[in-house]
Amino acid sequence: MKKYPYFTCSLPIESEEDIFGVAKIISDKLVGGIPFGGLEDYIYEEVPAVYINANILGFELVIQGYGGDGGYLLEVNPSPYNESPDDTERVTVEITRYIASLLEGTEKIKIKYEQINEQNYIEISE
């Protein structure tokens, strides 16, 4: 049976910026400035969340959270508009550490590595 990759990322971030400030920083760093929006859509009901309403290489990007002590969570998942090919088995590919490496050293955000380590994600190393 063919395998179909299902990429996921749940990256915890700290920042003094509001959700739109964090979204702008991440957008500039990862997707060439494509704007996040949709706060008024309440996609996570009671938790503030913004997303990019575009299919980027088959991914959907969402930032959720209240900021402050709780921080934010950057999620990268397959776009809901993607359909897996017929006769395939879905294989989850965790890319949290990869996305963290792309954002490492970015001003005004801090990756919460201690939370990533608790999740026992795979490590990317030389």
N, C-alpha and C. Protein backbone atom coordinates (compact mmCIF):
# COMPACT_ATOMS: atom_id res chain seq x y z
N MET A 1 0.85 -1.18 0.00
CA MET A 1 0.00 0.00 0.00
C MET A 1 0.89 1.24 0.00
N LYS A 2 0.48 2.24 -0.75
CA LYS A 2 1.22 3.50 -0.80
C LYS A 2 1.05 4.27 0.51
N LYS A 3 2.05 5.04 0.83
CA LYS A 3 2.01 5.86 2.04
C LYS A 3 1.76 7.32 1.65
N TYR A 4 0.99 8.02 2.48
CA TYR A 4 0.68 9.42 2.26
C TYR A 4 1.13 10.20 3.48
N PRO A 5 2.10 11.14 3.33
CA PRO A 5 2.59 11.87 4.50
C PRO A 5 1.57 12.88 5.01
N TYR A 6 1.39 12.88 6.32
CA TYR A 6 0.51 13.83 6.99
C TYR A 6 1.38 14.63 7.95
N PHE A 7 1.83 15.81 7.49
CA PHE A 7 2.76 16.64 8.24
C PHE A 7 2.03 17.41 9.34
N THR A 8 2.63 17.43 10.55
CA THR A 8 2.04 18.18 11.66
C THR A 8 3.11 18.92 12.44
N CYS A 9 2.70 20.06 13.01
CA CYS A 9 3.58 20.86 13.85
C CYS A 9 2.72 21.52 14.91
N SER A 10 3.17 21.45 16.16
CA SER A 10 2.55 22.18 17.26
C SER A 10 3.69 22.84 18.03
N LEU A 11 4.01 24.07 17.64
CA LEU A 11 5.18 24.75 18.17
C LEU A 11 4.79 25.81 19.19
N PRO A 12 5.15 25.61 20.48
CA PRO A 12 4.85 26.62 21.50
C PRO A 12 5.85 27.78 21.43
N ILE A 13 5.31 28.99 21.51
CA ILE A 13 6.11 30.22 21.35
C ILE A 13 5.75 31.20 22.46
N GLU A 14 6.75 31.93 22.94
CA GLU A 14 6.53 33.05 23.86
C GLU A 14 6.81 34.33 23.11
N SER A 15 6.06 35.37 23.44
CA SER A 15 6.31 36.69 22.85
C SER A 15 5.55 37.74 23.64
N GLU A 16 6.11 38.93 23.67
CA GLU A 16 5.42 40.07 24.27
C GLU A 16 4.47 40.71 23.25
N GLU A 17 4.57 40.32 22.01
CA GLU A 17 3.71 40.85 20.95
C GLU A 17 2.30 40.29 21.09
N ASP A 18 1.31 41.00 20.54
CA ASP A 18 -0.04 40.45 20.48
C ASP A 18 -0.09 39.42 19.35
N ILE A 19 -1.23 38.77 19.19
CA ILE A 19 -1.33 37.67 18.23
C ILE A 19 -1.03 38.14 16.80
N PHE A 20 -1.42 39.39 16.46
CA PHE A 20 -1.14 39.89 15.12
C PHE A 20 0.34 40.20 14.92
N GLY A 21 1.01 40.67 15.97
CA GLY A 21 2.44 40.90 15.90
C GLY A 21 3.21 39.60 15.69
N VAL A 22 2.83 38.57 16.44
CA VAL A 22 3.45 37.25 16.28
C VAL A 22 3.17 36.71 14.88
N ALA A 23 1.95 36.87 14.41
CA ALA A 23 1.59 36.40 13.08
C ALA A 23 2.43 37.09 12.00
N LYS A 24 2.64 38.38 12.13
CA LYS A 24 3.45 39.11 11.15
C LYS A 24 4.89 38.61 11.16
N ILE A 25 5.46 38.40 12.34
CA ILE A 25 6.83 37.90 12.45
C ILE A 25 6.95 36.53 11.79
N ILE A 26 6.03 35.65 12.10
CA ILE A 26 6.09 34.28 11.55
C ILE A 26 5.84 34.30 10.06
N SER A 27 4.90 35.09 9.61
CA SER A 27 4.62 35.19 8.18
C SER A 27 5.84 35.68 7.41
N ASP A 28 6.47 36.73 7.92
CA ASP A 28 7.67 37.26 7.24
C ASP A 28 8.78 36.23 7.19
N LYS A 29 8.92 35.45 8.23
CA LYS A 29 10.01 34.48 8.33
C LYS A 29 9.74 33.20 7.53
N LEU A 30 8.50 32.74 7.49
CA LEU A 30 8.21 31.43 6.90
C LEU A 30 7.54 31.45 5.53
N VAL A 31 6.68 32.44 5.28
CA VAL A 31 5.86 32.36 4.06
C VAL A 31 5.85 33.66 3.25
N GLY A 32 6.91 34.42 3.34
CA GLY A 32 7.05 35.59 2.49
C GLY A 32 6.06 36.71 2.72
N GLY A 33 5.55 36.82 3.95
CA GLY A 33 4.69 37.94 4.27
C GLY A 33 3.21 37.74 3.98
N ILE A 34 2.78 36.54 3.63
CA ILE A 34 1.35 36.30 3.42
C ILE A 34 0.64 36.57 4.74
N PRO A 35 -0.37 37.43 4.74
CA PRO A 35 -0.97 37.84 6.02
C PRO A 35 -1.87 36.77 6.66
N PHE A 36 -1.82 36.75 7.98
CA PHE A 36 -2.76 35.95 8.77
C PHE A 36 -4.00 36.80 8.99
N GLY A 37 -5.13 36.18 9.16
CA GLY A 37 -6.36 36.88 9.47
C GLY A 37 -7.33 35.89 10.09
N GLY A 38 -8.60 36.26 10.12
CA GLY A 38 -9.63 35.34 10.57
C GLY A 38 -9.90 35.33 12.06
N LEU A 39 -9.38 36.31 12.81
CA LEU A 39 -9.64 36.34 14.25
C LEU A 39 -11.14 36.34 14.52
N GLU A 40 -11.87 37.03 13.68
CA GLU A 40 -13.33 37.14 13.85
C GLU A 40 -14.07 35.85 13.46
N ASP A 41 -13.37 34.87 12.90
CA ASP A 41 -14.01 33.61 12.50
C ASP A 41 -14.16 32.64 13.67
N TYR A 42 -13.44 32.88 14.76
CA TYR A 42 -13.51 32.04 15.96
C TYR A 42 -13.34 30.55 15.61
N ILE A 43 -12.27 30.24 14.89
CA ILE A 43 -12.08 28.86 14.46
C ILE A 43 -11.82 27.91 15.63
N TYR A 44 -11.35 28.43 16.76
CA TYR A 44 -11.16 27.60 17.95
C TYR A 44 -12.09 28.05 19.07
N GLU A 45 -13.25 28.51 18.71
CA GLU A 45 -14.30 28.97 19.62
C GLU A 45 -13.81 30.01 20.61
N GLU A 46 -13.36 29.61 21.80
CA GLU A 46 -13.04 30.58 22.84
C GLU A 46 -11.59 31.02 22.86
N VAL A 47 -10.72 30.34 22.12
CA VAL A 47 -9.29 30.69 22.10
C VAL A 47 -9.03 31.56 20.88
N PRO A 48 -8.41 32.74 21.07
CA PRO A 48 -8.09 33.58 19.91
C PRO A 48 -7.18 32.83 18.94
N ALA A 49 -7.49 32.92 17.66
CA ALA A 49 -6.69 32.24 16.64
C ALA A 49 -6.75 33.01 15.33
N VAL A 50 -5.63 33.04 14.64
CA VAL A 50 -5.55 33.61 13.30
C VAL A 50 -4.94 32.55 12.40
N TYR A 51 -5.23 32.65 11.12
CA TYR A 51 -4.75 31.65 10.18
C TYR A 51 -4.50 32.30 8.82
N ILE A 52 -3.78 31.58 7.99
CA ILE A 52 -3.58 32.02 6.62
C ILE A 52 -4.60 31.30 5.76
N ASN A 53 -5.44 32.06 5.10
CA ASN A 53 -6.50 31.50 4.28
C ASN A 53 -6.00 31.22 2.88
N ALA A 54 -4.95 30.41 2.81
CA ALA A 54 -4.38 30.00 1.53
C ALA A 54 -3.71 28.66 1.72
N ASN A 55 -3.68 27.89 0.68
CA ASN A 55 -3.02 26.60 0.70
C ASN A 55 -1.56 26.83 0.33
N ILE A 56 -0.65 26.66 1.29
CA ILE A 56 0.78 26.90 1.07
C ILE A 56 1.47 25.55 1.05
N LEU A 57 1.83 25.09 -0.13
CA LEU A 57 2.44 23.77 -0.31
C LEU A 57 1.61 22.67 0.35
N GLY A 58 0.31 22.87 0.37
CA GLY A 58 -0.58 21.88 0.97
C GLY A 58 -0.77 22.02 2.46
N PHE A 59 -0.23 23.11 3.06
CA PHE A 59 -0.32 23.30 4.50
C PHE A 59 -1.29 24.41 4.87
N GLU A 60 -1.80 24.31 6.08
CA GLU A 60 -2.58 25.36 6.72
C GLU A 60 -1.77 25.82 7.93
N LEU A 61 -1.64 27.12 8.13
CA LEU A 61 -0.92 27.67 9.28
C LEU A 61 -1.91 28.39 10.18
N VAL A 62 -1.84 28.09 11.49
CA VAL A 62 -2.72 28.69 12.49
C VAL A 62 -1.87 29.10 13.69
N ILE A 63 -2.13 30.28 14.23
CA ILE A 63 -1.53 30.70 15.49
C ILE A 63 -2.68 30.90 16.46
N GLN A 64 -2.56 30.27 17.62
CA GLN A 64 -3.62 30.40 18.62
C GLN A 64 -3.02 30.69 19.98
N GLY A 65 -3.82 31.29 20.84
CA GLY A 65 -3.40 31.53 22.21
C GLY A 65 -3.69 32.93 22.68
N TYR A 66 -3.46 33.12 23.97
CA TYR A 66 -3.72 34.40 24.61
C TYR A 66 -2.46 35.23 24.80
N GLY A 67 -1.29 34.65 24.54
CA GLY A 67 -0.05 35.36 24.80
C GLY A 67 0.26 35.31 26.29
N GLY A 68 1.05 36.27 26.76
CA GLY A 68 1.41 36.31 28.18
C GLY A 68 2.08 35.03 28.62
N ASP A 69 1.76 34.58 29.83
CA ASP A 69 2.38 33.37 30.39
C ASP A 69 2.04 32.13 29.57
N GLY A 70 0.85 32.09 28.99
CA GLY A 70 0.43 30.93 28.21
C GLY A 70 1.07 30.85 26.85
N GLY A 71 1.51 31.99 26.34
CA GLY A 71 2.16 32.02 25.04
C GLY A 71 1.20 31.74 23.90
N TYR A 72 1.78 31.32 22.80
CA TYR A 72 1.03 31.01 21.58
C TYR A 72 1.43 29.63 21.09
N LEU A 73 0.62 29.08 20.21
CA LEU A 73 0.92 27.81 19.58
C LEU A 73 0.82 27.99 18.08
N LEU A 74 1.90 27.71 17.37
CA LEU A 74 1.89 27.72 15.91
C LEU A 74 1.60 26.30 15.46
N GLU A 75 0.54 26.14 14.70
CA GLU A 75 0.19 24.84 14.16
C GLU A 75 0.35 24.85 12.65
N VAL A 76 0.97 23.81 12.15
CA VAL A 76 1.08 23.59 10.72
C VAL A 76 0.52 22.20 10.47
N ASN A 77 -0.51 22.14 9.65
CA ASN A 77 -1.17 20.87 9.34
C ASN A 77 -1.53 20.85 7.86
N PRO A 78 -1.86 19.68 7.33
CA PRO A 78 -2.33 19.64 5.95
C PRO A 78 -3.57 20.52 5.79
N SER A 79 -3.65 21.19 4.67
CA SER A 79 -4.81 22.02 4.39
C SER A 79 -6.06 21.16 4.39
N PRO A 80 -7.16 21.66 4.95
CA PRO A 80 -8.40 20.87 4.93
C PRO A 80 -8.93 20.65 3.51
N TYR A 81 -8.39 21.37 2.55
CA TYR A 81 -8.83 21.22 1.17
C TYR A 81 -8.07 20.12 0.43
N ASN A 82 -7.03 19.57 1.07
CA ASN A 82 -6.29 18.47 0.46
C ASN A 82 -7.06 17.17 0.64
N GLU A 83 -7.04 16.38 -0.39
CA GLU A 83 -7.62 15.05 -0.27
C GLU A 83 -6.50 14.05 -0.44
N SER A 84 -6.44 13.07 0.46
CA SER A 84 -5.40 12.06 0.31
C SER A 84 -5.73 11.18 -0.89
N PRO A 85 -4.69 10.75 -1.58
CA PRO A 85 -4.93 9.88 -2.73
C PRO A 85 -5.65 8.59 -2.30
N ASP A 86 -6.44 8.05 -3.19
CA ASP A 86 -7.11 6.79 -2.90
C ASP A 86 -6.08 5.68 -2.70
N ASP A 87 -6.46 4.70 -1.93
CA ASP A 87 -5.65 3.51 -1.71
C ASP A 87 -4.28 3.84 -1.10
N THR A 88 -4.28 4.74 -0.12
CA THR A 88 -3.03 5.09 0.56
C THR A 88 -3.21 4.97 2.07
N GLU A 89 -2.12 4.80 2.74
CA GLU A 89 -2.10 4.77 4.20
C GLU A 89 -1.46 6.06 4.69
N ARG A 90 -2.11 6.74 5.60
CA ARG A 90 -1.59 8.00 6.13
C ARG A 90 -0.49 7.73 7.16
N VAL A 91 0.63 8.42 6.98
CA VAL A 91 1.76 8.32 7.90
C VAL A 91 2.03 9.72 8.44
N THR A 92 1.95 9.88 9.76
CA THR A 92 2.17 11.19 10.37
C THR A 92 3.66 11.50 10.42
N VAL A 93 4.01 12.69 9.94
CA VAL A 93 5.39 13.16 9.96
C VAL A 93 5.42 14.43 10.81
N GLU A 94 6.06 14.35 11.96
CA GLU A 94 6.13 15.45 12.92
C GLU A 94 7.24 16.42 12.51
N ILE A 95 6.88 17.69 12.22
CA ILE A 95 7.88 18.67 11.76
C ILE A 95 8.06 19.83 12.74
N THR A 96 7.66 19.64 13.99
CA THR A 96 7.77 20.72 14.96
C THR A 96 9.20 21.19 15.13
N ARG A 97 10.14 20.29 15.30
CA ARG A 97 11.54 20.69 15.48
C ARG A 97 12.09 21.36 14.22
N TYR A 98 11.65 20.93 13.06
CA TYR A 98 12.10 21.56 11.82
C TYR A 98 11.62 23.00 11.76
N ILE A 99 10.35 23.25 12.04
CA ILE A 99 9.81 24.61 12.03
C ILE A 99 10.51 25.44 13.10
N ALA A 100 10.77 24.84 14.27
CA ALA A 100 11.52 25.54 15.32
C ALA A 100 12.89 25.97 14.82
N SER A 101 13.55 25.11 14.06
CA SER A 101 14.88 25.47 13.55
C SER A 101 14.80 26.62 12.55
N LEU A 102 13.71 26.71 11.81
CA LEU A 102 13.54 27.82 10.86
C LEU A 102 13.31 29.15 11.58
N LEU A 103 12.69 29.08 12.75
CA LEU A 103 12.37 30.30 13.52
C LEU A 103 13.41 30.64 14.58
N GLU A 104 14.37 29.75 14.79
CA GLU A 104 15.40 29.96 15.81
C GLU A 104 16.10 31.30 15.61
N GLY A 105 16.22 32.06 16.69
CA GLY A 105 16.92 33.34 16.63
C GLY A 105 16.10 34.49 16.10
N THR A 106 14.83 34.27 15.79
CA THR A 106 13.97 35.33 15.30
C THR A 106 13.67 36.30 16.43
N GLU A 107 13.87 37.59 16.15
CA GLU A 107 13.61 38.60 17.18
C GLU A 107 12.15 38.63 17.59
N LYS A 108 11.91 38.90 18.86
CA LYS A 108 10.59 39.10 19.47
C LYS A 108 9.79 37.82 19.67
N ILE A 109 10.35 36.65 19.34
CA ILE A 109 9.69 35.41 19.71
C ILE A 109 10.73 34.47 20.31
N LYS A 110 10.25 33.60 21.19
CA LYS A 110 11.12 32.62 21.83
C LYS A 110 10.44 31.26 21.72
N ILE A 111 11.17 30.29 21.22
CA ILE A 111 10.66 28.93 21.12
C ILE A 111 10.69 28.31 22.52
N LYS A 112 9.62 27.67 22.92
CA LYS A 112 9.54 27.01 24.23
C LYS A 112 10.03 25.57 24.08
N TYR A 113 11.35 25.42 24.02
CA TYR A 113 11.94 24.10 23.80
C TYR A 113 11.61 23.12 24.90
N GLU A 114 11.47 23.61 26.15
CA GLU A 114 11.16 22.69 27.24
C GLU A 114 9.83 21.98 27.00
N GLN A 115 8.87 22.64 26.40
CA GLN A 115 7.59 22.01 26.08
C GLN A 115 7.73 21.06 24.90
N ILE A 116 8.57 21.41 23.93
CA ILE A 116 8.80 20.51 22.80
C ILE A 116 9.46 19.23 23.31
N ASN A 117 10.45 19.36 24.18
CA ASN A 117 11.15 18.19 24.70
C ASN A 117 10.21 17.26 25.47
N GLU A 118 9.23 17.82 26.15
CA GLU A 118 8.26 17.01 26.87
C GLU A 118 7.43 16.14 25.93
N GLN A 119 7.29 16.58 24.69
CA GLN A 119 6.48 15.84 23.72
C GLN A 119 7.25 14.69 23.07
N ASN A 120 8.57 14.62 23.30
CA ASN A 120 9.40 13.55 22.78
C ASN A 120 9.40 13.48 21.24
N TYR A 121 9.39 14.66 20.60
CA TYR A 121 9.46 14.69 19.15
C TYR A 121 10.85 14.24 18.70
N ILE A 122 10.97 13.82 17.45
CA ILE A 122 12.26 13.42 16.94
C ILE A 122 13.18 14.63 16.88
N GLU A 123 14.47 14.38 17.00
CA GLU A 123 15.44 15.44 16.90
C GLU A 123 16.05 15.44 15.51
N ILE A 124 16.25 16.63 14.97
CA ILE A 124 16.95 16.77 13.71
C ILE A 124 18.39 17.09 14.06
N SER A 125 19.31 16.26 13.61
CA SER A 125 20.72 16.49 13.93
C SER A 125 21.56 16.19 12.69
N GLU A 126 22.82 16.59 12.78
CA GLU A 126 23.73 16.38 11.66
C GLU A 126 24.03 14.91 11.49
